[in-house]
Amino acid sequence: MALLGATDEEQILNYSCQELLHPDYLAKSFQRIEEVLKTDEPNEFSEFKLIAMDGRIIDTEVSSVRIHNFQGHEYVVQSVFRDITERKKEEEALIKAEKLFIAGQMAAGIAHEIRNPLTSLKGFTQFLKSKTDNYHEYYDIMLTELDRINAIVQEFMALAKPQANHLKNHDLINIMQHVNTLLETQANLNNVQIRTQIDDGHPFVRCDENQLKQVFINILKNAIEAMPEGGEVMIELDTRQSDLVMIQITDQGIGIPKEQLGKLGGPFFTTKSSGTGLGLMVCHRIIQAHQGTMFITSELNKGTTVTIQLPVIQQY
């Protein structure tokens, strides 16, 4: 009952097995029942999805066995379901961490190979521009594109080596206020208001200040760009837990489709036409290096919320 969120046995009895099983697993369920009816041995545990009373999708694994002469029936099939929701989350986290590690290794190699020739190209372009009075507009375009490539290389470098090397105790509120000041002009130009709600207290975190600023700047810029018609970004700091501070950044933007949400932060996946997909990967790596967690929830045409949790060093 607890697995399905039922209040009593009567509620479960009003449902058929087909209603409780996810539609994608009905055919597999019928096949396994046919197999178990041919033997007295239980079949191996296999993954299934159930639909709870409130509509939640629950990851489970199930094993069934045939039982003879049960309450007047020649035989019945008994199935045992085990909730594996937490295990699935842990597996997904491990897979994501492995992807980030591989992407970081690849990024280090690419950045190293690009950086030196890029410096030469930019230097010679600037030199040629200074030696001629013609075609300056073309040189400017070339330099702009080289700066764009250089920015991507810098993201590669941050992705490859996001370790927090300069750790000090910092007031998180001061960091957020600094970031707000940096982005205030961009927000105003896009008709976006940034509001902040902070619980009583000043959470101190042991961190590399510049790296945390990089995370918050990246997330806030994404939030602003997600609202082409303007709107409001809410930053909430929850300091009620003694050992953790929770930062939630919520926009009123276009949102992210459910099928794309799980891919965010993956290698080179982006929802922006001009993005590289590296920004969120860097954010994930930095938060991991600070022993924190970061996850994203979103609803189409309603907005997106990024939630970050960081360990608190001291709190006044």
C-alpha atoms as a PDB file:
ATOM      1  CA  MET A   1       0.000   0.000   0.000  1.00  0.00           C
ATOM      2  CA  ALA A   2       2.760   2.426   0.927  1.00  0.00           C
ATOM      3  CA  LEU A   3       4.485   1.840  -2.417  1.00  0.00           C
ATOM      4  CA  LEU A   4       1.406   2.902  -4.360  1.00  0.00           C
ATOM      5  CA  GLY A   5       0.358   5.638  -1.947  1.00  0.00           C
ATOM      6  CA  ALA A   6      -2.903   3.874  -1.052  1.00  0.00           C
ATOM      7  CA  THR A   7      -4.669   4.612   2.224  1.00  0.00           C
ATOM      8  CA  ASP A   8      -6.133   1.109   2.657  1.00  0.00           C
ATOM      9  CA  GLU A   9      -6.459  -2.303   0.962  1.00  0.00           C
ATOM     10  CA  GLU A  10      -9.936  -1.456  -0.307  1.00  0.00           C
ATOM     11  CA  GLN A  11      -8.508   1.298  -2.475  1.00  0.00           C
ATOM     12  CA  ILE A  12      -6.033  -1.084  -4.139  1.00  0.00           C
ATOM     13  CA  LEU A  13      -8.677  -3.767  -4.743  1.00  0.00           C
ATOM     14  CA  ASN A  14     -10.631  -1.295  -6.844  1.00  0.00           C
ATOM     15  CA  TYR A  15      -7.765  -1.224  -9.347  1.00  0.00           C
ATOM     16  CA  SER A  16      -6.832  -3.875 -11.897  1.00  0.00           C
ATOM     17  CA  CYS A  17      -3.214  -4.850 -12.554  1.00  0.00           C
ATOM     18  CA  GLN A  18      -3.436  -3.184 -15.958  1.00  0.00           C
ATOM     19  CA  GLU A  19      -4.314   0.137 -14.307  1.00  0.00           C
ATOM     20  CA  LEU A  20      -1.391  -0.042 -11.873  1.00  0.00           C
ATOM     21  CA  LEU A  21       1.201  -1.006 -14.485  1.00  0.00           C
ATOM     22  CA  HIS A  22       2.704   1.604 -16.779  1.00  0.00           C
ATOM     23  CA  PRO A  23       1.314   1.066 -20.319  1.00  0.00           C
ATOM     24  CA  ASP A  24       4.829   0.561 -21.724  1.00  0.00           C
ATOM     25  CA  TYR A  25       5.228  -2.552 -19.550  1.00  0.00           C
ATOM     26  CA  LEU A  26       1.869  -4.293 -20.125  1.00  0.00           C
ATOM     27  CA  ALA A  27       3.102  -6.557 -22.943  1.00  0.00           C
ATOM     28  CA  LYS A  28       6.191  -7.505 -20.921  1.00  0.00           C
ATOM     29  CA  SER A  29       3.952  -8.265 -17.913  1.00  0.00           C
ATOM     30  CA  PHE A  30       1.697 -10.649 -19.881  1.00  0.00           C
ATOM     31  CA  GLN A  31       4.744 -12.421 -21.308  1.00  0.00           C
ATOM     32  CA  ARG A  32       6.272 -12.955 -17.860  1.00  0.00           C
ATOM     33  CA  ILE A  33       2.970 -14.271 -16.439  1.00  0.00           C
ATOM     34  CA  GLU A  34       2.778 -16.812 -19.280  1.00  0.00           C
ATOM     35  CA  GLU A  35       6.316 -17.909 -18.481  1.00  0.00           C
ATOM     36  CA  VAL A  36       5.750 -18.250 -14.736  1.00  0.00           C
ATOM     37  CA  LEU A  37       2.623 -20.363 -15.260  1.00  0.00           C
ATOM     38  CA  LYS A  38       4.789 -23.041 -16.884  1.00  0.00           C
ATOM     39  CA  THR A  39       6.972 -23.676 -13.831  1.00  0.00           C
ATOM     40  CA  ASP A  40       6.988 -23.650 -10.038  1.00  0.00           C
ATOM     41  CA  GLU A  41      10.217 -21.660  -9.990  1.00  0.00           C
ATOM     42  CA  PRO A  42      10.028 -17.863  -9.461  1.00  0.00           C
ATOM     43  CA  ASN A  43      11.266 -15.807 -12.368  1.00  0.00           C
ATOM     44  CA  GLU A  44      14.157 -13.391 -11.977  1.00  0.00           C
ATOM     45  CA  PHE A  45      13.600  -9.830 -10.790  1.00  0.00           C
ATOM     46  CA  SER A  46      13.013  -7.473 -13.701  1.00  0.00           C
ATOM     47  CA  GLU A  47      12.485  -3.729 -13.837  1.00  0.00           C
ATOM     48  CA  PHE A  48       8.930  -2.391 -14.183  1.00  0.00           C
ATOM     49  CA  LYS A  49       7.236   0.964 -13.757  1.00  0.00           C
ATOM     50  CA  LEU A  50       4.085   1.317 -11.669  1.00  0.00           C
ATOM     51  CA  ILE A  51       1.558   4.152 -11.554  1.00  0.00           C
ATOM     52  CA  ALA A  52       0.796   5.319  -8.008  1.00  0.00           C
ATOM     53  CA  MET A  53      -2.618   6.497  -6.837  1.00  0.00           C
ATOM     54  CA  ASP A  54      -1.574  10.119  -7.290  1.00  0.00           C
ATOM     55  CA  GLY A  55      -0.212   9.504 -10.802  1.00  0.00           C
ATOM     56  CA  ARG A  56       3.473   9.272  -9.858  1.00  0.00           C
ATOM     57  CA  ILE A  57       5.631   6.894 -11.885  1.00  0.00           C
ATOM     58  CA  ILE A  58       7.483   4.493  -9.575  1.00  0.00           C
ATOM     59  CA  ASP A  59      10.559   2.498 -10.590  1.00  0.00           C
ATOM     60  CA  THR A  60      10.339  -1.047  -9.252  1.00  0.00           C
ATOM     61  CA  GLU A  61      11.681  -4.515  -9.846  1.00  0.00           C
ATOM     62  CA  VAL A  62       9.366  -7.514  -9.686  1.00  0.00           C
ATOM     63  CA  SER A  63       9.554 -11.278  -9.380  1.00  0.00           C
ATOM     64  CA  SER A  64       6.564 -13.625  -9.683  1.00  0.00           C
ATOM     65  CA  VAL A  65       5.894 -17.233  -8.710  1.00  0.00           C
ATOM     66  CA  ARG A  66       3.030 -19.702  -9.265  1.00  0.00           C
ATOM     67  CA  ILE A  67       1.244 -20.895  -6.116  1.00  0.00           C
ATOM     68  CA  HIS A  68      -1.006 -24.000  -6.186  1.00  0.00           C
ATOM     69  CA  ASN A  69      -4.336 -24.504  -4.394  1.00  0.00           C
ATOM     70  CA  PHE A  70      -4.732 -21.039  -2.971  1.00  0.00           C
ATOM     71  CA  GLN A  71      -8.126 -20.191  -1.394  1.00  0.00           C
ATOM     72  CA  GLY A  72     -10.085 -22.462  -3.698  1.00  0.00           C
ATOM     73  CA  HIS A  73      -8.134 -21.580  -6.842  1.00  0.00           C
ATOM     74  CA  GLU A  74      -6.114 -24.194  -8.702  1.00  0.00           C
ATOM     75  CA  TYR A  75      -3.231 -21.731  -8.776  1.00  0.00           C
ATOM     76  CA  VAL A  76      -2.527 -18.028  -8.531  1.00  0.00           C
ATOM     77  CA  VAL A  77       0.441 -15.828  -9.426  1.00  0.00           C
ATOM     78  CA  GLN A  78       2.079 -13.931  -6.583  1.00  0.00           C
ATOM     79  CA  SER A  79       4.321 -10.985  -7.465  1.00  0.00           C
ATOM     80  CA  VAL A  80       6.754  -9.173  -5.208  1.00  0.00           C
ATOM     81  CA  PHE A  81       7.584  -5.544  -6.068  1.00  0.00           C
ATOM     82  CA  ARG A  82      10.622  -3.703  -4.704  1.00  0.00           C
ATOM     83  CA  ASP A  83      10.937   0.069  -4.874  1.00  0.00           C
ATOM     84  CA  ILE A  84      14.201   0.936  -6.662  1.00  0.00           C
ATOM     85  CA  THR A  85      13.575   4.664  -7.117  1.00  0.00           C
ATOM     86  CA  GLU A  86      16.557   5.726  -4.997  1.00  0.00           C
ATOM     87  CA  ARG A  87      18.800   3.146  -6.602  1.00  0.00           C
ATOM     88  CA  LYS A  88      17.871   4.430 -10.064  1.00  0.00           C
ATOM     89  CA  LYS A  89      18.666   7.984  -8.987  1.00  0.00           C
ATOM     90  CA  GLU A  90      22.074   6.866  -7.709  1.00  0.00           C
ATOM     91  CA  GLU A  91      22.782   5.000 -10.956  1.00  0.00           C
ATOM     92  CA  GLU A  92      21.814   8.045 -13.026  1.00  0.00           C
ATOM     93  CA  ALA A  93      24.041  10.237 -10.854  1.00  0.00           C
ATOM     94  CA  LEU A  94      26.977   7.861 -11.401  1.00  0.00           C
ATOM     95  CA  ILE A  95      26.387   7.817 -15.163  1.00  0.00           C
ATOM     96  CA  LYS A  96      26.199  11.608 -15.250  1.00  0.00           C
ATOM     97  CA  ALA A  97      29.377  11.916 -13.186  1.00  0.00           C
ATOM     98  CA  GLU A  98      31.159   9.548 -15.568  1.00  0.00           C
ATOM     99  CA  LYS A  99      29.999  11.592 -18.568  1.00  0.00           C
ATOM    100  CA  LEU A 100      31.271  14.766 -16.944  1.00  0.00           C
ATOM    101  CA  PHE A 101      34.615  13.141 -16.199  1.00  0.00           C
ATOM    102  CA  ILE A 102      35.015  11.929 -19.783  1.00  0.00           C
ATOM    103  CA  ALA A 103      33.936  15.302 -21.158  1.00  0.00           C
ATOM    104  CA  GLY A 104      36.442  17.004 -18.869  1.00  0.00           C
ATOM    105  CA  GLN A 105      39.275  14.819 -20.144  1.00  0.00           C
ATOM    106  CA  MET A 106      38.267  15.461 -23.744  1.00  0.00           C
ATOM    107  CA  ALA A 107      37.941  19.191 -23.075  1.00  0.00           C
ATOM    108  CA  ALA A 108      41.451  19.373 -21.650  1.00  0.00           C
ATOM    109  CA  GLY A 109      42.915  17.801 -24.779  1.00  0.00           C
ATOM    110  CA  ILE A 110      40.932  19.974 -27.194  1.00  0.00           C
ATOM    111  CA  ALA A 111      41.649  23.197 -25.308  1.00  0.00           C
ATOM    112  CA  HIS A 112      45.383  22.436 -25.210  1.00  0.00           C
ATOM    113  CA  GLU A 113      45.498  21.810 -28.972  1.00  0.00           C
ATOM    114  CA  ILE A 114      43.489  24.941 -29.860  1.00  0.00           C
ATOM    115  CA  ARG A 115      44.941  27.506 -27.485  1.00  0.00           C
ATOM    116  CA  ASN A 116      48.399  28.006 -29.024  1.00  0.00           C
ATOM    117  CA  PRO A 117      47.367  28.344 -32.705  1.00  0.00           C
ATOM    118  CA  LEU A 118      44.448  30.533 -31.622  1.00  0.00           C
ATOM    119  CA  THR A 119      46.837  32.962 -29.921  1.00  0.00           C
ATOM    120  CA  SER A 120      48.933  33.137 -33.105  1.00  0.00           C
ATOM    121  CA  LEU A 121      45.890  33.726 -35.323  1.00  0.00           C
ATOM    122  CA  LYS A 122      44.612  36.544 -33.139  1.00  0.00           C
ATOM    123  CA  GLY A 123      48.028  38.176 -32.857  1.00  0.00           C
ATOM    124  CA  PHE A 124      48.707  38.137 -36.607  1.00  0.00           C
ATOM    125  CA  THR A 125      45.183  39.396 -37.369  1.00  0.00           C
ATOM    126  CA  GLN A 126      45.694  42.372 -35.055  1.00  0.00           C
ATOM    127  CA  PHE A 127      49.125  42.977 -36.626  1.00  0.00           C
ATOM    128  CA  LEU A 128      47.729  42.940 -40.190  1.00  0.00           C
ATOM    129  CA  LYS A 129      44.904  45.269 -39.199  1.00  0.00           C
ATOM    130  CA  SER A 130      47.418  47.790 -37.855  1.00  0.00           C
ATOM    131  CA  LYS A 131      49.414  47.679 -41.116  1.00  0.00           C
ATOM    132  CA  THR A 132      46.596  48.600 -43.497  1.00  0.00           C
ATOM    133  CA  ASP A 133      43.953  51.262 -43.797  1.00  0.00           C
ATOM    134  CA  ASN A 134      41.621  49.025 -45.787  1.00  0.00           C
ATOM    135  CA  TYR A 135      39.262  46.184 -44.897  1.00  0.00           C
ATOM    136  CA  HIS A 136      39.146  47.044 -41.188  1.00  0.00           C
ATOM    137  CA  GLU A 137      35.558  45.821 -41.005  1.00  0.00           C
ATOM    138  CA  TYR A 138      36.692  42.363 -42.131  1.00  0.00           C
ATOM    139  CA  TYR A 139      39.490  42.282 -39.585  1.00  0.00           C
ATOM    140  CA  ASP A 140      36.979  43.303 -36.891  1.00  0.00           C
ATOM    141  CA  ILE A 141      34.703  40.412 -37.859  1.00  0.00           C
ATOM    142  CA  MET A 142      37.648  38.003 -37.773  1.00  0.00           C
ATOM    143  CA  LEU A 143      38.738  39.256 -34.340  1.00  0.00           C
ATOM    144  CA  THR A 144      35.173  38.971 -33.016  1.00  0.00           C
ATOM    145  CA  GLU A 145      34.955  35.362 -34.211  1.00  0.00           C
ATOM    146  CA  LEU A 146      38.368  34.578 -32.730  1.00  0.00           C
ATOM    147  CA  ASP A 147      37.173  36.010 -29.407  1.00  0.00           C
ATOM    148  CA  ARG A 148      34.147  33.727 -29.659  1.00  0.00           C
ATOM    149  CA  ILE A 149      36.406  30.707 -30.183  1.00  0.00           C
ATOM    150  CA  ASN A 150      38.585  31.833 -27.295  1.00  0.00           C
ATOM    151  CA  ALA A 151      35.529  32.076 -25.028  1.00  0.00           C
ATOM    152  CA  ILE A 152      34.633  28.475 -25.902  1.00  0.00           C
ATOM    153  CA  VAL A 153      38.204  27.370 -25.179  1.00  0.00           C
ATOM    154  CA  GLN A 154      37.993  29.086 -21.781  1.00  0.00           C
ATOM    155  CA  GLU A 155      34.819  27.106 -21.070  1.00  0.00           C
ATOM    156  CA  PHE A 156      36.684  23.948 -22.046  1.00  0.00           C
ATOM    157  CA  MET A 157      39.456  24.826 -19.604  1.00  0.00           C
ATOM    158  CA  ALA A 158      36.964  25.465 -16.808  1.00  0.00           C
ATOM    159  CA  LEU A 159      35.252  22.173 -17.596  1.00  0.00           C
ATOM    160  CA  ALA A 160      38.522  20.288 -17.557  1.00  0.00           C
ATOM    161  CA  LYS A 161      39.803  21.794 -14.298  1.00  0.00           C
ATOM    162  CA  PRO A 162      36.961  23.072 -12.122  1.00  0.00           C
ATOM    163  CA  GLN A 163      38.606  22.086  -8.826  1.00  0.00           C
ATOM    164  CA  ALA A 164      38.095  24.598  -6.061  1.00  0.00           C
ATOM    165  CA  ASN A 165      41.729  25.505  -5.365  1.00  0.00           C
ATOM    166  CA  HIS A 166      41.333  28.833  -3.550  1.00  0.00           C
ATOM    167  CA  LEU A 167      38.991  27.931  -0.732  1.00  0.00           C
ATOM    168  CA  LYS A 168      38.074  30.541   1.858  1.00  0.00           C
ATOM    169  CA  ASN A 169      35.045  31.234   4.017  1.00  0.00           C
ATOM    170  CA  HIS A 170      32.730  33.633   2.196  1.00  0.00           C
ATOM    171  CA  ASP A 171      29.369  35.190   2.981  1.00  0.00           C
ATOM    172  CA  LEU A 172      27.069  33.748   0.338  1.00  0.00           C
ATOM    173  CA  ILE A 173      24.771  36.786   0.500  1.00  0.00           C
ATOM    174  CA  ASN A 174      27.660  39.089  -0.432  1.00  0.00           C
ATOM    175  CA  ILE A 175      28.487  36.840  -3.392  1.00  0.00           C
ATOM    176  CA  MET A 176      24.881  36.923  -4.604  1.00  0.00           C
ATOM    177  CA  GLN A 177      24.674  40.704  -4.215  1.00  0.00           C
ATOM    178  CA  HIS A 178      27.860  41.104  -6.261  1.00  0.00           C
ATOM    179  CA  VAL A 179      26.440  38.888  -9.028  1.00  0.00           C
ATOM    180  CA  ASN A 180      23.155  40.829  -9.013  1.00  0.00           C
ATOM    181  CA  THR A 181      25.075  44.082  -9.455  1.00  0.00           C
ATOM    182  CA  LEU A 182      27.000  42.641 -12.423  1.00  0.00           C
ATOM    183  CA  LEU A 183      23.823  41.507 -14.193  1.00  0.00           C
ATOM    184  CA  GLU A 184      21.564  44.408 -13.252  1.00  0.00           C
ATOM    185  CA  THR A 185      22.206  46.294 -16.516  1.00  0.00           C
ATOM    186  CA  GLN A 186      21.584  43.236 -18.715  1.00  0.00           C
ATOM    187  CA  ALA A 187      18.387  42.494 -16.777  1.00  0.00           C
ATOM    188  CA  ASN A 188      17.099  46.069 -17.228  1.00  0.00           C
ATOM    189  CA  LEU A 189      17.837  45.987 -20.970  1.00  0.00           C
ATOM    190  CA  ASN A 190      15.727  42.827 -21.235  1.00  0.00           C
ATOM    191  CA  ASN A 191      12.900  44.221 -19.058  1.00  0.00           C
ATOM    192  CA  VAL A 192      13.690  41.665 -16.346  1.00  0.00           C
ATOM    193  CA  GLN A 193      13.524  42.305 -12.608  1.00  0.00           C
ATOM    194  CA  ILE A 194      15.748  40.319 -10.232  1.00  0.00           C
ATOM    195  CA  ARG A 195      14.241  39.910  -6.772  1.00  0.00           C
ATOM    196  CA  THR A 196      15.927  38.331  -3.762  1.00  0.00           C
ATOM    197  CA  GLN A 197      14.337  36.658  -0.747  1.00  0.00           C
ATOM    198  CA  ILE A 198      16.670  35.671   2.089  1.00  0.00           C
ATOM    199  CA  ASP A 199      15.871  34.025   5.417  1.00  0.00           C
ATOM    200  CA  ASP A 200      17.354  35.508   8.569  1.00  0.00           C
ATOM    201  CA  GLY A 201      21.058  34.827   8.960  1.00  0.00           C
ATOM    202  CA  HIS A 202      24.218  35.006   6.899  1.00  0.00           C
ATOM    203  CA  PRO A 203      25.276  31.602   5.526  1.00  0.00           C
ATOM    204  CA  PHE A 204      29.038  31.224   5.186  1.00  0.00           C
ATOM    205  CA  VAL A 205      30.358  28.654   2.730  1.00  0.00           C
ATOM    206  CA  ARG A 206      33.912  27.476   2.145  1.00  0.00           C
ATOM    207  CA  CYS A 207      34.390  28.116  -1.534  1.00  0.00           C
ATOM    208  CA  ASP A 208      36.330  29.536  -4.419  1.00  0.00           C
ATOM    209  CA  GLU A 209      34.474  32.849  -4.664  1.00  0.00           C
ATOM    210  CA  ASN A 210      35.117  33.401  -8.380  1.00  0.00           C
ATOM    211  CA  GLN A 211      33.935  29.936  -9.311  1.00  0.00           C
ATOM    212  CA  LEU A 212      30.668  30.302  -7.391  1.00  0.00           C
ATOM    213  CA  LYS A 213      30.138  33.682  -9.027  1.00  0.00           C
ATOM    214  CA  GLN A 214      30.658  31.988 -12.382  1.00  0.00           C
ATOM    215  CA  VAL A 215      27.901  29.488 -11.546  1.00  0.00           C
ATOM    216  CA  PHE A 216      25.379  32.128 -10.464  1.00  0.00           C
ATOM    217  CA  ILE A 217      26.184  34.417 -13.405  1.00  0.00           C
ATOM    218  CA  ASN A 218      25.675  31.551 -15.846  1.00  0.00           C
ATOM    219  CA  ILE A 219      22.338  30.535 -14.317  1.00  0.00           C
ATOM    220  CA  LEU A 220      21.022  34.101 -14.085  1.00  0.00           C
ATOM    221  CA  LYS A 221      22.037  34.857 -17.681  1.00  0.00           C
ATOM    222  CA  ASN A 222      20.150  31.735 -18.790  1.00  0.00           C
ATOM    223  CA  ALA A 223      17.120  32.892 -16.798  1.00  0.00           C
ATOM    224  CA  ILE A 224      17.199  36.361 -18.376  1.00  0.00           C
ATOM    225  CA  GLU A 225      17.587  34.944 -21.893  1.00  0.00           C
ATOM    226  CA  ALA A 226      14.663  32.568 -21.268  1.00  0.00           C
ATOM    227  CA  MET A 227      12.318  35.581 -20.942  1.00  0.00           C
ATOM    228  CA  PRO A 228      12.439  37.436 -24.287  1.00  0.00           C
ATOM    229  CA  GLU A 229       9.299  39.375 -23.320  1.00  0.00           C
ATOM    230  CA  GLY A 230      10.641  40.282 -19.878  1.00  0.00           C
ATOM    231  CA  GLY A 231       9.547  39.050 -16.467  1.00  0.00           C
ATOM    232  CA  GLU A 232      10.887  38.341 -13.008  1.00  0.00           C
ATOM    233  CA  VAL A 233      13.724  36.216 -11.640  1.00  0.00           C
ATOM    234  CA  MET A 234      13.368  35.211  -7.998  1.00  0.00           C
ATOM    235  CA  ILE A 235      16.455  34.254  -5.978  1.00  0.00           C
ATOM    236  CA  GLU A 236      15.650  32.535  -2.683  1.00  0.00           C
ATOM    237  CA  LEU A 237      18.173  31.597  -0.016  1.00  0.00           C
ATOM    238  CA  ASP A 238      16.898  29.066   2.514  1.00  0.00           C
ATOM    239  CA  THR A 239      19.087  28.988   5.621  1.00  0.00           C
ATOM    240  CA  ARG A 240      16.797  26.986   7.903  1.00  0.00           C
ATOM    241  CA  GLN A 241      19.026  23.901   7.888  1.00  0.00           C
ATOM    242  CA  SER A 242      22.083  24.221  10.098  1.00  0.00           C
ATOM    243  CA  ASP A 243      24.413  22.307   7.780  1.00  0.00           C
ATOM    244  CA  LEU A 244      23.112  23.320   4.337  1.00  0.00           C
ATOM    245  CA  VAL A 245      22.041  26.418   2.464  1.00  0.00           C
ATOM    246  CA  MET A 246      19.631  26.058  -0.442  1.00  0.00           C
ATOM    247  CA  ILE A 247      19.655  28.558  -3.304  1.00  0.00           C
ATOM    248  CA  GLN A 248      16.712  28.540  -5.712  1.00  0.00           C
ATOM    249  CA  ILE A 249      16.742  30.662  -8.872  1.00  0.00           C
ATOM    250  CA  THR A 250      13.345  30.735 -10.597  1.00  0.00           C
ATOM    251  CA  ASP A 251      12.419  32.468 -13.845  1.00  0.00           C
ATOM    252  CA  GLN A 252       9.111  33.002 -15.651  1.00  0.00           C
ATOM    253  CA  GLY A 253      10.508  31.961 -18.999  1.00  0.00           C
ATOM    254  CA  ILE A 254       9.511  29.625 -21.783  1.00  0.00           C
ATOM    255  CA  GLY A 255      10.489  26.532 -19.826  1.00  0.00           C
ATOM    256  CA  ILE A 256      12.138  23.321 -21.003  1.00  0.00           C
ATOM    257  CA  PRO A 257      10.336  20.291 -22.504  1.00  0.00           C
ATOM    258  CA  LYS A 258      10.215  17.300 -20.170  1.00  0.00           C
ATOM    259  CA  GLU A 259      12.037  15.055 -22.641  1.00  0.00           C
ATOM    260  CA  GLN A 260      14.972  17.501 -22.755  1.00  0.00           C
ATOM    261  CA  LEU A 261      15.162  18.231 -19.041  1.00  0.00           C
ATOM    262  CA  GLY A 262      17.150  15.117 -18.169  1.00  0.00           C
ATOM    263  CA  LYS A 263      19.726  15.906 -20.868  1.00  0.00           C
ATOM    264  CA  LEU A 264      20.644  19.314 -19.451  1.00  0.00           C
ATOM    265  CA  GLY A 265      24.228  19.420 -18.262  1.00  0.00           C
ATOM    266  CA  GLY A 266      25.136  16.549 -20.559  1.00  0.00           C
ATOM    267  CA  PRO A 267      28.001  16.825 -23.037  1.00  0.00           C
ATOM    268  CA  PHE A 268      27.291  19.521 -25.645  1.00  0.00           C
ATOM    269  CA  PHE A 269      23.513  19.501 -25.150  1.00  0.00           C
ATOM    270  CA  THR A 270      21.890  22.933 -25.256  1.00  0.00           C
ATOM    271  CA  THR A 271      18.409  24.375 -25.810  1.00  0.00           C
ATOM    272  CA  LYS A 272      19.849  27.655 -27.160  1.00  0.00           C
ATOM    273  CA  SER A 273      20.498  28.158 -30.872  1.00  0.00           C
ATOM    274  CA  SER A 274      23.898  29.787 -30.221  1.00  0.00           C
ATOM    275  CA  GLY A 275      24.915  27.796 -27.139  1.00  0.00           C
ATOM    276  CA  THR A 276      27.622  25.172 -26.754  1.00  0.00           C
ATOM    277  CA  GLY A 277      26.134  23.207 -23.866  1.00  0.00           C
ATOM    278  CA  LEU A 278      29.310  23.732 -21.857  1.00  0.00           C
ATOM    279  CA  GLY A 279      27.978  26.354 -19.425  1.00  0.00           C
ATOM    280  CA  LEU A 280      25.762  24.055 -17.379  1.00  0.00           C
ATOM    281  CA  MET A 281      28.381  21.311 -17.455  1.00  0.00           C
ATOM    282  CA  VAL A 282      30.867  23.720 -15.910  1.00  0.00           C
ATOM    283  CA  CYS A 283      28.287  24.714 -13.282  1.00  0.00           C
ATOM    284  CA  HIS A 284      27.694  21.066 -12.348  1.00  0.00           C
ATOM    285  CA  ARG A 285      31.413  20.393 -12.065  1.00  0.00           C
ATOM    286  CA  ILE A 286      32.013  23.472  -9.890  1.00  0.00           C
ATOM    287  CA  ILE A 287      29.140  22.635  -7.529  1.00  0.00           C
ATOM    288  CA  GLN A 288      30.374  19.039  -7.254  1.00  0.00           C
ATOM    289  CA  ALA A 289      33.872  20.319  -6.434  1.00  0.00           C
ATOM    290  CA  HIS A 290      32.287  22.324  -3.583  1.00  0.00           C
ATOM    291  CA  GLN A 291      30.565  19.178  -2.198  1.00  0.00           C
ATOM    292  CA  GLY A 292      27.167  20.489  -3.256  1.00  0.00           C
ATOM    293  CA  THR A 293      24.277  19.395  -5.456  1.00  0.00           C
ATOM    294  CA  MET A 294      22.448  21.067  -8.317  1.00  0.00           C
ATOM    295  CA  PHE A 295      19.249  20.061 -10.085  1.00  0.00           C
ATOM    296  CA  ILE A 296      16.775  21.684 -12.467  1.00  0.00           C
ATOM    297  CA  THR A 297      12.987  21.536 -12.688  1.00  0.00           C
ATOM    298  CA  SER A 298      10.918  23.191 -15.399  1.00  0.00           C
ATOM    299  CA  GLU A 299       7.444  23.520 -16.874  1.00  0.00           C
ATOM    300  CA  LEU A 300       6.739  24.678 -20.399  1.00  0.00           C
ATOM    301  CA  ASN A 301       5.520  28.284 -20.644  1.00  0.00           C
ATOM    302  CA  LYS A 302       5.714  28.685 -16.860  1.00  0.00           C
ATOM    303  CA  GLY A 303       9.397  28.792 -16.043  1.00  0.00           C
ATOM    304  CA  THR A 304      12.443  26.998 -14.731  1.00  0.00           C
ATOM    305  CA  THR A 305      13.906  26.573 -11.254  1.00  0.00           C
ATOM    306  CA  VAL A 306      17.559  25.781 -10.557  1.00  0.00           C
ATOM    307  CA  THR A 307      18.169  24.488  -7.025  1.00  0.00           C
ATOM    308  CA  ILE A 308      21.655  24.430  -5.521  1.00  0.00           C
ATOM    309  CA  GLN A 309      22.571  23.074  -2.096  1.00  0.00           C
ATOM    310  CA  LEU A 310      25.918  23.865  -0.492  1.00  0.00           C
ATOM    311  CA  PRO A 311      27.357  22.880   2.887  1.00  0.00           C
ATOM    312  CA  VAL A 312      27.416  25.687   5.441  1.00  0.00           C
ATOM    313  CA  ILE A 313      30.620  26.386   7.390  1.00  0.00           C
ATOM    314  CA  GLN A 314      29.190  28.792   9.919  1.00  0.00           C
ATOM    315  CA  GLN A 315      26.069  30.822  10.236  1.00  0.00           C
ATOM    316  CA  TYR A 316      25.336  33.965  12.265  1.00  0.00           C
END
